[in-house]
Amino acid sequence: TRPDDGCYVQGLFMEGAALNLELSVLVRQQPKVLVQELPIMQIIPIELSKLKLQGTIRVPVYVTQERKNAMGVGLMMEADVRTVDHPSHWILQGVAITLNIDT
């Protein structure tokens, strides 16, 4: 079914962290698991001036795992994801979401 706001997307992958599906919050990755496929997610665009979030980190969404193409372009958008850890922890882990993974 079609959502009232935004759209559904699938085929996203997370690097540097995992998503706890029950709590919808970032958690540390399992050992030896570098990439987690994310479930179908709803993307809702919101004006930045109307966005008032707490307990989240802004995660970059890239087209590829290389995080840029030959022209140096790759950042599509940023997604706000809930976290209980300090955002600096996830920044140091290099958390990112990608549309494609290298197989």
PDB file of N, CA and C in Angstrom:
ATOM      1  N   THR A   1       0.837  -1.191   0.000  1.00  0.00           N
ATOM      2  CA  THR A   1       0.000   0.000   0.000  1.00  0.00           C
ATOM      3  C   THR A   1       0.875   1.247   0.000  1.00  0.00           C
ATOM      4  N   ARG A   2       0.348   2.304  -0.497  1.00  0.00           N
ATOM      5  CA  ARG A   2       1.077   3.569  -0.591  1.00  0.00           C
ATOM      6  C   ARG A   2       1.000   4.319   0.739  1.00  0.00           C
ATOM      7  N   PRO A   3       2.144   4.840   1.218  1.00  0.00           N
ATOM      8  CA  PRO A   3       2.120   5.602   2.478  1.00  0.00           C
ATOM      9  C   PRO A   3       1.480   6.975   2.276  1.00  0.00           C
ATOM     10  N   ASP A   4       0.963   7.550   3.353  1.00  0.00           N
ATOM     11  CA  ASP A   4       0.386   8.894   3.277  1.00  0.00           C
ATOM     12  C   ASP A   4       1.460   9.932   2.990  1.00  0.00           C
ATOM     13  N   ASP A   5       2.639   9.763   3.577  1.00  0.00           N
ATOM     14  CA  ASP A   5       3.758  10.689   3.379  1.00  0.00           C
ATOM     15  C   ASP A   5       4.973   9.916   2.911  1.00  0.00           C
ATOM     16  N   GLY A   6       5.774  10.529   2.039  1.00  0.00           N
ATOM     17  CA  GLY A   6       7.034   9.933   1.621  1.00  0.00           C
ATOM     18  C   GLY A   6       6.851   8.720   0.738  1.00  0.00           C
ATOM     19  N   CYS A   7       7.813   7.798   0.826  1.00  0.00           N
ATOM     20  CA  CYS A   7       7.785   6.583   0.019  1.00  0.00           C
ATOM     21  C   CYS A   7       8.523   5.471   0.752  1.00  0.00           C
ATOM     22  N   TYR A   8       8.299   4.252   0.302  1.00  0.00           N
ATOM     23  CA  TYR A   8       9.019   3.106   0.839  1.00  0.00           C
ATOM     24  C   TYR A   8      10.225   2.827  -0.043  1.00  0.00           C
ATOM     25  N   VAL A   9      11.342   2.452   0.567  1.00  0.00           N
ATOM     26  CA  VAL A   9      12.535   2.062  -0.188  1.00  0.00           C
ATOM     27  C   VAL A   9      13.060   0.744   0.370  1.00  0.00           C
ATOM     28  N   GLN A  10      13.652  -0.025  -0.515  1.00  0.00           N
ATOM     29  CA  GLN A  10      14.299  -1.268  -0.098  1.00  0.00           C
ATOM     30  C   GLN A  10      15.628  -1.376  -0.813  1.00  0.00           C
ATOM     31  N   GLY A  11      16.479  -2.267  -0.332  1.00  0.00           N
ATOM     32  CA  GLY A  11      17.778  -2.449  -0.957  1.00  0.00           C
ATOM     33  C   GLY A  11      18.848  -1.532  -0.400  1.00  0.00           C
ATOM     34  N   LEU A  12      18.656  -1.039   0.831  1.00  0.00           N
ATOM     35  CA  LEU A  12      19.668  -0.210   1.482  1.00  0.00           C
ATOM     36  C   LEU A  12      20.533  -1.086   2.382  1.00  0.00           C
ATOM     37  N   PHE A  13      21.787  -0.677   2.551  1.00  0.00           N
ATOM     38  CA  PHE A  13      22.738  -1.429   3.360  1.00  0.00           C
ATOM     39  C   PHE A  13      23.437  -0.483   4.328  1.00  0.00           C
ATOM     40  N   MET A  14      23.723  -0.969   5.542  1.00  0.00           N
ATOM     41  CA  MET A  14      24.396  -0.147   6.542  1.00  0.00           C
ATOM     42  C   MET A  14      25.787  -0.694   6.822  1.00  0.00           C
ATOM     43  N   GLU A  15      26.766   0.214   6.875  1.00  0.00           N
ATOM     44  CA  GLU A  15      28.148  -0.125   7.222  1.00  0.00           C
ATOM     45  C   GLU A  15      28.506   0.563   8.532  1.00  0.00           C
ATOM     46  N   GLY A  16      29.341  -0.072   9.336  1.00  0.00           N
ATOM     47  CA  GLY A  16      29.857   0.551  10.547  1.00  0.00           C
ATOM     48  C   GLY A  16      28.955   0.448  11.753  1.00  0.00           C
ATOM     49  N   ALA A  17      27.768  -0.106  11.572  1.00  0.00           N
ATOM     50  CA  ALA A  17      26.812  -0.281  12.666  1.00  0.00           C
ATOM     51  C   ALA A  17      25.754  -1.266  12.197  1.00  0.00           C
ATOM     52  N   ALA A  18      24.892  -1.634  13.111  1.00  0.00           N
ATOM     53  CA  ALA A  18      23.733  -2.454  12.779  1.00  0.00           C
ATOM     54  C   ALA A  18      22.504  -1.729  13.305  1.00  0.00           C
ATOM     55  N   LEU A  19      21.363  -2.113  12.812  1.00  0.00           N
ATOM     56  CA  LEU A  19      20.113  -1.515  13.259  1.00  0.00           C
ATOM     57  C   LEU A  19      19.340  -2.558  14.047  1.00  0.00           C
ATOM     58  N   ASN A  20      19.052  -2.253  15.311  1.00  0.00           N
ATOM     59  CA  ASN A  20      18.205  -3.117  16.124  1.00  0.00           C
ATOM     60  C   ASN A  20      16.782  -2.897  15.635  1.00  0.00           C
ATOM     61  N   LEU A  21      16.203  -3.912  15.006  1.00  0.00           N
ATOM     62  CA  LEU A  21      14.901  -3.755  14.374  1.00  0.00           C
ATOM     63  C   LEU A  21      13.771  -3.581  15.382  1.00  0.00           C
ATOM     64  N   GLU A  22      13.903  -4.168  16.568  1.00  0.00           N
ATOM     65  CA  GLU A  22      12.854  -4.035  17.577  1.00  0.00           C
ATOM     66  C   GLU A  22      12.796  -2.625  18.148  1.00  0.00           C
ATOM     67  N   LEU A  23      13.968  -2.025  18.383  1.00  0.00           N
ATOM     68  CA  LEU A  23      14.029  -0.700  19.000  1.00  0.00           C
ATOM     69  C   LEU A  23      14.252   0.425  17.990  1.00  0.00           C
ATOM     70  N   SER A  24      14.551   0.069  16.731  1.00  0.00           N
ATOM     71  CA  SER A  24      14.867   1.054  15.681  1.00  0.00           C
ATOM     72  C   SER A  24      15.982   1.992  16.135  1.00  0.00           C
ATOM     73  N   VAL A  25      17.073   1.397  16.623  1.00  0.00           N
ATOM     74  CA  VAL A  25      18.187   2.173  17.148  1.00  0.00           C
ATOM     75  C   VAL A  25      19.500   1.538  16.676  1.00  0.00           C
ATOM     76  N   LEU A  26      20.526   2.373  16.485  1.00  0.00           N
ATOM     77  CA  LEU A  26      21.837   1.864  16.093  1.00  0.00           C
ATOM     78  C   LEU A  26      22.458   1.052  17.221  1.00  0.00           C
ATOM     79  N   VAL A  27      23.086  -0.057  16.851  1.00  0.00           N
ATOM     80  CA  VAL A  27      23.826  -0.887  17.792  1.00  0.00           C
ATOM     81  C   VAL A  27      25.140  -1.298  17.131  1.00  0.00           C
ATOM     82  N   ARG A  28      26.041  -1.830  17.934  1.00  0.00           N
ATOM     83  CA  ARG A  28      27.319  -2.294  17.388  1.00  0.00           C
ATOM     84  C   ARG A  28      27.093  -3.517  16.504  1.00  0.00           C
ATOM     85  N   GLN A  29      27.931  -3.640  15.475  1.00  0.00           N
ATOM     86  CA  GLN A  29      27.837  -4.773  14.564  1.00  0.00           C
ATOM     87  C   GLN A  29      28.251  -6.065  15.245  1.00  0.00           C
ATOM     88  N   GLN A  30      27.730  -7.164  14.735  1.00  0.00           N
ATOM     89  CA  GLN A  30      28.192  -8.480  15.167  1.00  0.00           C
ATOM     90  C   GLN A  30      29.605  -8.680  14.630  1.00  0.00           C
ATOM     91  N   PRO A  31      30.447  -9.442  15.326  1.00  0.00           N
ATOM     92  CA  PRO A  31      31.805  -9.689  14.827  1.00  0.00           C
ATOM     93  C   PRO A  31      31.781 -10.291  13.416  1.00  0.00           C
ATOM     94  N   LYS A  32      32.667  -9.806  12.571  1.00  0.00           N
ATOM     95  CA  LYS A  32      32.856 -10.271  11.193  1.00  0.00           C
ATOM     96  C   LYS A  32      31.685  -9.960  10.264  1.00  0.00           C
ATOM     97  N   VAL A  33      30.743  -9.149  10.699  1.00  0.00           N
ATOM     98  CA  VAL A  33      29.644  -8.722   9.833  1.00  0.00           C
ATOM     99  C   VAL A  33      29.905  -7.264   9.482  1.00  0.00           C
ATOM    100  N   LEU A  34      30.286  -7.025   8.243  1.00  0.00           N
ATOM    101  CA  LEU A  34      30.666  -5.672   7.840  1.00  0.00           C
ATOM    102  C   LEU A  34      29.495  -4.855   7.326  1.00  0.00           C
ATOM    103  N   VAL A  35      28.506  -5.527   6.736  1.00  0.00           N
ATOM    104  CA  VAL A  35      27.384  -4.831   6.116  1.00  0.00           C
ATOM    105  C   VAL A  35      26.086  -5.505   6.542  1.00  0.00           C
ATOM    106  N   GLN A  36      25.083  -4.701   6.871  1.00  0.00           N
ATOM    107  CA  GLN A  36      23.768  -5.231   7.225  1.00  0.00           C
ATOM    108  C   GLN A  36      22.759  -4.730   6.203  1.00  0.00           C
ATOM    109  N   GLU A  37      21.979  -5.650   5.637  1.00  0.00           N
ATOM    110  CA  GLU A  37      20.893  -5.228   4.753  1.00  0.00           C
ATOM    111  C   GLU A  37      19.765  -4.685   5.628  1.00  0.00           C
ATOM    112  N   LEU A  38      19.274  -3.524   5.275  1.00  0.00           N
ATOM    113  CA  LEU A  38      18.218  -2.896   6.058  1.00  0.00           C
ATOM    114  C   LEU A  38      16.854  -3.367   5.568  1.00  0.00           C
ATOM    115  N   PRO A  39      15.856  -3.348   6.436  1.00  0.00           N
ATOM    116  CA  PRO A  39      14.504  -3.726   6.011  1.00  0.00           C
ATOM    117  C   PRO A  39      13.903  -2.626   5.135  1.00  0.00           C
ATOM    118  N   ILE A  40      12.736  -2.889   4.595  1.00  0.00           N
ATOM    119  CA  ILE A  40      12.018  -1.852   3.854  1.00  0.00           C
ATOM    120  C   ILE A  40      11.791  -0.691   4.809  1.00  0.00           C
ATOM    121  N   MET A  41      12.140   0.511   4.353  1.00  0.00           N
ATOM    122  CA  MET A  41      12.047   1.690   5.210  1.00  0.00           C
ATOM    123  C   MET A  41      11.179   2.752   4.552  1.00  0.00           C
ATOM    124  N   GLN A  42      10.533   3.560   5.372  1.00  0.00           N
ATOM    125  CA  GLN A  42       9.758   4.680   4.864  1.00  0.00           C
ATOM    126  C   GLN A  42      10.606   5.939   4.951  1.00  0.00           C
ATOM    127  N   ILE A  43      10.746   6.622   3.836  1.00  0.00           N
ATOM    128  CA  ILE A  43      11.482   7.879   3.766  1.00  0.00           C
ATOM    129  C   ILE A  43      10.464   9.010   3.715  1.00  0.00           C
ATOM    130  N   ILE A  44      10.563   9.926   4.670  1.00  0.00           N
ATOM    131  CA  ILE A  44       9.643  11.064   4.733  1.00  0.00           C
ATOM    132  C   ILE A  44      10.469  12.339   4.676  1.00  0.00           C
ATOM    133  N   PRO A  45      10.393  13.082   3.570  1.00  0.00           N
ATOM    134  CA  PRO A  45      11.143  14.343   3.500  1.00  0.00           C
ATOM    135  C   PRO A  45      10.504  15.399   4.402  1.00  0.00           C
ATOM    136  N   ILE A  46      11.351  16.102   5.157  1.00  0.00           N
ATOM    137  CA  ILE A  46      10.882  17.138   6.082  1.00  0.00           C
ATOM    138  C   ILE A  46      11.807  18.336   5.957  1.00  0.00           C
ATOM    139  N   GLU A  47      11.226  19.526   5.979  1.00  0.00           N
ATOM    140  CA  GLU A  47      12.050  20.737   5.963  1.00  0.00           C
ATOM    141  C   GLU A  47      12.921  20.762   7.210  1.00  0.00           C
ATOM    142  N   LEU A  48      14.189  21.096   7.017  1.00  0.00           N
ATOM    143  CA  LEU A  48      15.137  21.096   8.127  1.00  0.00           C
ATOM    144  C   LEU A  48      14.686  22.018   9.256  1.00  0.00           C
ATOM    145  N   SER A  49      14.076  23.149   8.917  1.00  0.00           N
ATOM    146  CA  SER A  49      13.637  24.097   9.943  1.00  0.00           C
ATOM    147  C   SER A  49      12.517  23.525  10.815  1.00  0.00           C
ATOM    148  N   LYS A  50      11.786  22.523  10.319  1.00  0.00           N
ATOM    149  CA  LYS A  50      10.690  21.919  11.077  1.00  0.00           C
ATOM    150  C   LYS A  50      11.119  20.660  11.821  1.00  0.00           C
ATOM    151  N   LEU A  51      12.367  20.252  11.618  1.00  0.00           N
ATOM    152  CA  LEU A  51      12.864  19.021  12.206  1.00  0.00           C
ATOM    153  C   LEU A  51      13.462  19.293  13.581  1.00  0.00           C
ATOM    154  N   LYS A  52      12.920  18.660  14.602  1.00  0.00           N
ATOM    155  CA  LYS A  52      13.421  18.825  15.958  1.00  0.00           C
ATOM    156  C   LYS A  52      13.633  17.431  16.548  1.00  0.00           C
ATOM    157  N   LEU A  53      14.820  16.880  16.303  1.00  0.00           N
ATOM    158  CA  LEU A  53      15.124  15.525  16.753  1.00  0.00           C
ATOM    159  C   LEU A  53      16.114  15.536  17.900  1.00  0.00           C
ATOM    160  N   GLN A  54      15.966  14.584  18.794  1.00  0.00           N
ATOM    161  CA  GLN A  54      16.929  14.364  19.867  1.00  0.00           C
ATOM    162  C   GLN A  54      17.246  12.881  19.894  1.00  0.00           C
ATOM    163  N   GLY A  55      18.477  12.539  20.270  1.00  0.00           N
ATOM    164  CA  GLY A  55      18.858  11.141  20.339  1.00  0.00           C
ATOM    165  C   GLY A  55      19.032  10.499  18.976  1.00  0.00           C
ATOM    166  N   THR A  56      19.430  11.302  17.994  1.00  0.00           N
ATOM    167  CA  THR A  56      19.654  10.769  16.653  1.00  0.00           C
ATOM    168  C   THR A  56      21.023  11.194  16.148  1.00  0.00           C
ATOM    169  N   ILE A  57      21.458  10.526  15.101  1.00  0.00           N
ATOM    170  CA  ILE A  57      22.662  10.921  14.390  1.00  0.00           C
ATOM    171  C   ILE A  57      22.307  11.012  12.915  1.00  0.00           C
ATOM    172  N   ARG A  58      22.884  11.976  12.252  1.00  0.00           N
ATOM    173  CA  ARG A  58      22.665  12.144  10.819  1.00  0.00           C
ATOM    174  C   ARG A  58      23.661  11.250  10.083  1.00  0.00           C
ATOM    175  N   VAL A  59      23.162  10.225   9.407  1.00  0.00           N
ATOM    176  CA  VAL A  59      23.984   9.231   8.716  1.00  0.00           C
ATOM    177  C   VAL A  59      23.972   9.527   7.218  1.00  0.00           C
ATOM    178  N   PRO A  60      25.152   9.610   6.592  1.00  0.00           N
ATOM    179  CA  PRO A  60      25.190   9.853   5.152  1.00  0.00           C
ATOM    180  C   PRO A  60      24.696   8.636   4.368  1.00  0.00           C
ATOM    181  N   VAL A  61      23.993   8.900   3.275  1.00  0.00           N
ATOM    182  CA  VAL A  61      23.516   7.846   2.374  1.00  0.00           C
ATOM    183  C   VAL A  61      24.241   8.023   1.048  1.00  0.00           C
ATOM    184  N   TYR A  62      25.035   7.012   0.681  1.00  0.00           N
ATOM    185  CA  TYR A  62      25.851   7.054  -0.529  1.00  0.00           C
ATOM    186  C   TYR A  62      25.316   6.081  -1.573  1.00  0.00           C
ATOM    187  N   VAL A  63      25.664   6.332  -2.832  1.00  0.00           N
ATOM    188  CA  VAL A  63      25.263   5.447  -3.918  1.00  0.00           C
ATOM    189  C   VAL A  63      26.017   4.123  -3.829  1.00  0.00           C
ATOM    190  N   THR A  64      27.331   4.170  -3.589  1.00  0.00           N
ATOM    191  CA  THR A  64      28.150   2.956  -3.550  1.00  0.00           C
ATOM    192  C   THR A  64      28.964   2.889  -2.264  1.00  0.00           C
ATOM    193  N   GLN A  65      29.558   1.728  -2.016  1.00  0.00           N
ATOM    194  CA  GLN A  65      30.422   1.567  -0.849  1.00  0.00           C
ATOM    195  C   GLN A  65      31.695   2.391  -0.968  1.00  0.00           C
ATOM    196  N   GLU A  66      32.090   2.723  -2.177  1.00  0.00           N
ATOM    197  CA  GLU A  66      33.263   3.581  -2.353  1.00  0.00           C
ATOM    198  C   GLU A  66      32.970   5.000  -1.879  1.00  0.00           C
ATOM    199  N   ARG A  67      31.694   5.291  -1.708  1.00  0.00           N
ATOM    200  CA  ARG A  67      31.201   6.573  -1.191  1.00  0.00           C
ATOM    201  C   ARG A  67      31.376   7.726  -2.158  1.00  0.00           C
ATOM    202  N   LYS A  68      31.866   7.435  -3.344  1.00  0.00           N
ATOM    203  CA  LYS A  68      31.915   8.434  -4.416  1.00  0.00           C
ATOM    204  C   LYS A  68      32.134   7.702  -5.728  1.00  0.00           C
ATOM    205  N   ASN A  69      31.752   8.359  -6.811  1.00  0.00           N
ATOM    206  CA  ASN A  69      32.006   7.774  -8.123  1.00  0.00           C
ATOM    207  C   ASN A  69      33.249   8.411  -8.722  1.00  0.00           C
ATOM    208  N   ALA A  70      33.524   8.139  -9.979  1.00  0.00           N
ATOM    209  CA  ALA A  70      34.736   8.659 -10.623  1.00  0.00           C
ATOM    210  C   ALA A  70      34.767  10.179 -10.647  1.00  0.00           C
ATOM    211  N   MET A  71      33.599  10.806 -10.603  1.00  0.00           N
ATOM    212  CA  MET A  71      33.525  12.270 -10.620  1.00  0.00           C
ATOM    213  C   MET A  71      33.574  12.858  -9.219  1.00  0.00           C
ATOM    214  N   GLY A  72      33.711  12.010  -8.199  1.00  0.00           N
ATOM    215  CA  GLY A  72      33.784  12.499  -6.829  1.00  0.00           C
ATOM    216  C   GLY A  72      32.430  12.768  -6.209  1.00  0.00           C
ATOM    217  N   VAL A  73      31.371  12.289  -6.868  1.00  0.00           N
ATOM    218  CA  VAL A  73      30.010  12.510  -6.380  1.00  0.00           C
ATOM    219  C   VAL A  73      29.473  11.184  -5.853  1.00  0.00           C
ATOM    220  N   GLY A  74      28.766  11.203  -4.771  1.00  0.00           N
ATOM    221  CA  GLY A  74      28.217   9.962  -4.248  1.00  0.00           C
ATOM    222  C   GLY A  74      27.215  10.157  -3.133  1.00  0.00           C
ATOM    223  N   LEU A  75      27.294  11.277  -2.423  1.00  0.00           N
ATOM    224  CA  LEU A  75      26.361  11.533  -1.322  1.00  0.00           C
ATOM    225  C   LEU A  75      24.989  11.858  -1.888  1.00  0.00           C
ATOM    226  N   MET A  76      23.991  11.063  -1.499  1.00  0.00           N
ATOM    227  CA  MET A  76      22.627  11.295  -1.972  1.00  0.00           C
ATOM    228  C   MET A  76      21.838  12.168  -1.011  1.00  0.00           C
ATOM    229  N   MET A  77      21.938  11.826   0.276  1.00  0.00           N
ATOM    230  CA  MET A  77      21.161  12.534   1.297  1.00  0.00           C
ATOM    231  C   MET A  77      21.715  12.128   2.650  1.00  0.00           C
ATOM    232  N   GLU A  78      21.117  12.625   3.696  1.00  0.00           N
ATOM    233  CA  GLU A  78      21.455  12.211   5.050  1.00  0.00           C
ATOM    234  C   GLU A  78      20.182  11.721   5.726  1.00  0.00           C
ATOM    235  N   ALA A  79      20.310  10.645   6.481  1.00  0.00           N
ATOM    236  CA  ALA A  79      19.170  10.059   7.177  1.00  0.00           C
ATOM    237  C   ALA A  79      19.387  10.186   8.679  1.00  0.00           C
ATOM    238  N   ASP A  80      18.373  10.605   9.389  1.00  0.00           N
ATOM    239  CA  ASP A  80      18.448  10.690  10.847  1.00  0.00           C
ATOM    240  C   ASP A  80      18.064   9.336  11.431  1.00  0.00           C
ATOM    241  N   VAL A  81      18.984   8.753  12.203  1.00  0.00           N
ATOM    242  CA  VAL A  81      18.789   7.426  12.783  1.00  0.00           C
ATOM    243  C   VAL A  81      18.938   7.535  14.297  1.00  0.00           C
ATOM    244  N   ARG A  82      18.049   6.868  15.033  1.00  0.00           N
ATOM    245  CA  ARG A  82      18.079   6.918  16.497  1.00  0.00           C
ATOM    246  C   ARG A  82      19.300   6.209  17.052  1.00  0.00           C
ATOM    247  N   THR A  83      19.835   6.744  18.146  1.00  0.00           N
ATOM    248  CA  THR A  83      20.971   6.135  18.834  1.00  0.00           C
ATOM    249  C   THR A  83      20.884   6.424  20.329  1.00  0.00           C
ATOM    250  N   VAL A  84      21.405   5.498  21.126  1.00  0.00           N
ATOM    251  CA  VAL A  84      21.523   5.747  22.560  1.00  0.00           C
ATOM    252  C   VAL A  84      22.962   6.103  22.907  1.00  0.00           C
ATOM    253  N   ASP A  85      23.889   5.840  21.978  1.00  0.00           N
ATOM    254  CA  ASP A  85      25.295   6.192  22.173  1.00  0.00           C
ATOM    255  C   ASP A  85      25.541   7.617  21.684  1.00  0.00           C
ATOM    256  N   HIS A  86      26.641   8.202  22.134  1.00  0.00           N
ATOM    257  CA  HIS A  86      27.004   9.542  21.682  1.00  0.00           C
ATOM    258  C   HIS A  86      27.276   9.503  20.180  1.00  0.00           C
ATOM    259  N   PRO A  87      26.809  10.499  19.435  1.00  0.00           N
ATOM    260  CA  PRO A  87      27.030  10.512  17.981  1.00  0.00           C
ATOM    261  C   PRO A  87      28.490  10.356  17.567  1.00  0.00           C
ATOM    262  N   SER A  88      29.422  10.845  18.388  1.00  0.00           N
ATOM    263  CA  SER A  88      30.838  10.739  18.021  1.00  0.00           C
ATOM    264  C   SER A  88      31.280   9.278  17.893  1.00  0.00           C
ATOM    265  N   HIS A  89      30.671   8.393  18.668  1.00  0.00           N
ATOM    266  CA  HIS A  89      31.009   6.966  18.559  1.00  0.00           C
ATOM    267  C   HIS A  89      30.747   6.465  17.145  1.00  0.00           C
ATOM    268  N   TRP A  90      29.590   6.812  16.600  1.00  0.00           N
ATOM    269  CA  TRP A  90      29.211   6.333  15.268  1.00  0.00           C
ATOM    270  C   TRP A  90      29.997   7.045  14.177  1.00  0.00           C
ATOM    271  N   ILE A  91      30.337   8.287  14.397  1.00  0.00           N
ATOM    272  CA  ILE A  91      31.171   9.007  13.425  1.00  0.00           C
ATOM    273  C   ILE A  91      32.526   8.324  13.313  1.00  0.00           C
ATOM    274  N   LEU A  92      33.118   7.955  14.457  1.00  0.00           N
ATOM    275  CA  LEU A  92      34.407   7.265  14.446  1.00  0.00           C
ATOM    276  C   LEU A  92      34.310   5.872  13.824  1.00  0.00           C
ATOM    277  N   GLN A  93      33.143   5.255  13.893  1.00  0.00           N
ATOM    278  CA  GLN A  93      32.938   3.945  13.274  1.00  0.00           C
ATOM    279  C   GLN A  93      32.730   4.057  11.759  1.00  0.00           C
ATOM    280  N   GLY A  94      32.523   5.273  11.272  1.00  0.00           N
ATOM    281  CA  GLY A  94      32.316   5.469   9.836  1.00  0.00           C
ATOM    282  C   GLY A  94      30.966   4.974   9.357  1.00  0.00           C
ATOM    283  N   VAL A  95      29.945   5.132  10.182  1.00  0.00           N
ATOM    284  CA  VAL A  95      28.617   4.635   9.826  1.00  0.00           C
ATOM    285  C   VAL A  95      28.109   5.339   8.578  1.00  0.00           C
ATOM    286  N   ALA A  96      27.588   4.537   7.661  1.00  0.00           N
ATOM    287  CA  ALA A  96      27.009   5.066   6.427  1.00  0.00           C
ATOM    288  C   ALA A  96      25.986   4.071   5.904  1.00  0.00           C
ATOM    289  N   ILE A  97      25.077   4.582   5.104  1.00  0.00           N
ATOM    290  CA  ILE A  97      24.101   3.752   4.399  1.00  0.00           C
ATOM    291  C   ILE A  97      24.450   3.835   2.922  1.00  0.00           C
ATOM    292  N   THR A  98      24.382   2.692   2.234  1.00  0.00           N
ATOM    293  CA  THR A  98      24.681   2.674   0.800  1.00  0.00           C
ATOM    294  C   THR A  98      23.543   2.008   0.033  1.00  0.00           C
ATOM    295  N   LEU A  99      23.458   2.367  -1.249  1.00  0.00           N
ATOM    296  CA  LEU A  99      22.449   1.763  -2.116  1.00  0.00           C
ATOM    297  C   LEU A  99      22.954   0.480  -2.756  1.00  0.00           C
ATOM    298  N   ASN A 100      24.257   0.357  -2.888  1.00  0.00           N
ATOM    299  CA  ASN A 100      24.875  -0.812  -3.522  1.00  0.00           C
ATOM    300  C   ASN A 100      26.018  -1.304  -2.657  1.00  0.00           C
ATOM    301  N   ILE A 101      26.264  -2.604  -2.714  1.00  0.00           N
ATOM    302  CA  ILE A 101      27.429  -3.149  -2.020  1.00  0.00           C
ATOM    303  C   ILE A 101      28.313  -3.860  -3.031  1.00  0.00           C
ATOM    304  N   ASP A 102      29.601  -3.878  -2.748  1.00  0.00           N
ATOM    305  CA  ASP A 102      30.551  -4.604  -3.584  1.00  0.00           C
ATOM    306  C   ASP A 102      30.458  -6.076  -3.221  1.00  0.00           C
ATOM    307  N   THR A 103      30.195  -6.908  -4.205  1.00  0.00           N
ATOM    308  CA  THR A 103      30.085  -8.349  -3.910  1.00  0.00           C
ATOM    309  C   THR A 103      31.202  -9.123  -4.559  1.00  0.00           C
TER     310      THR A 103
END
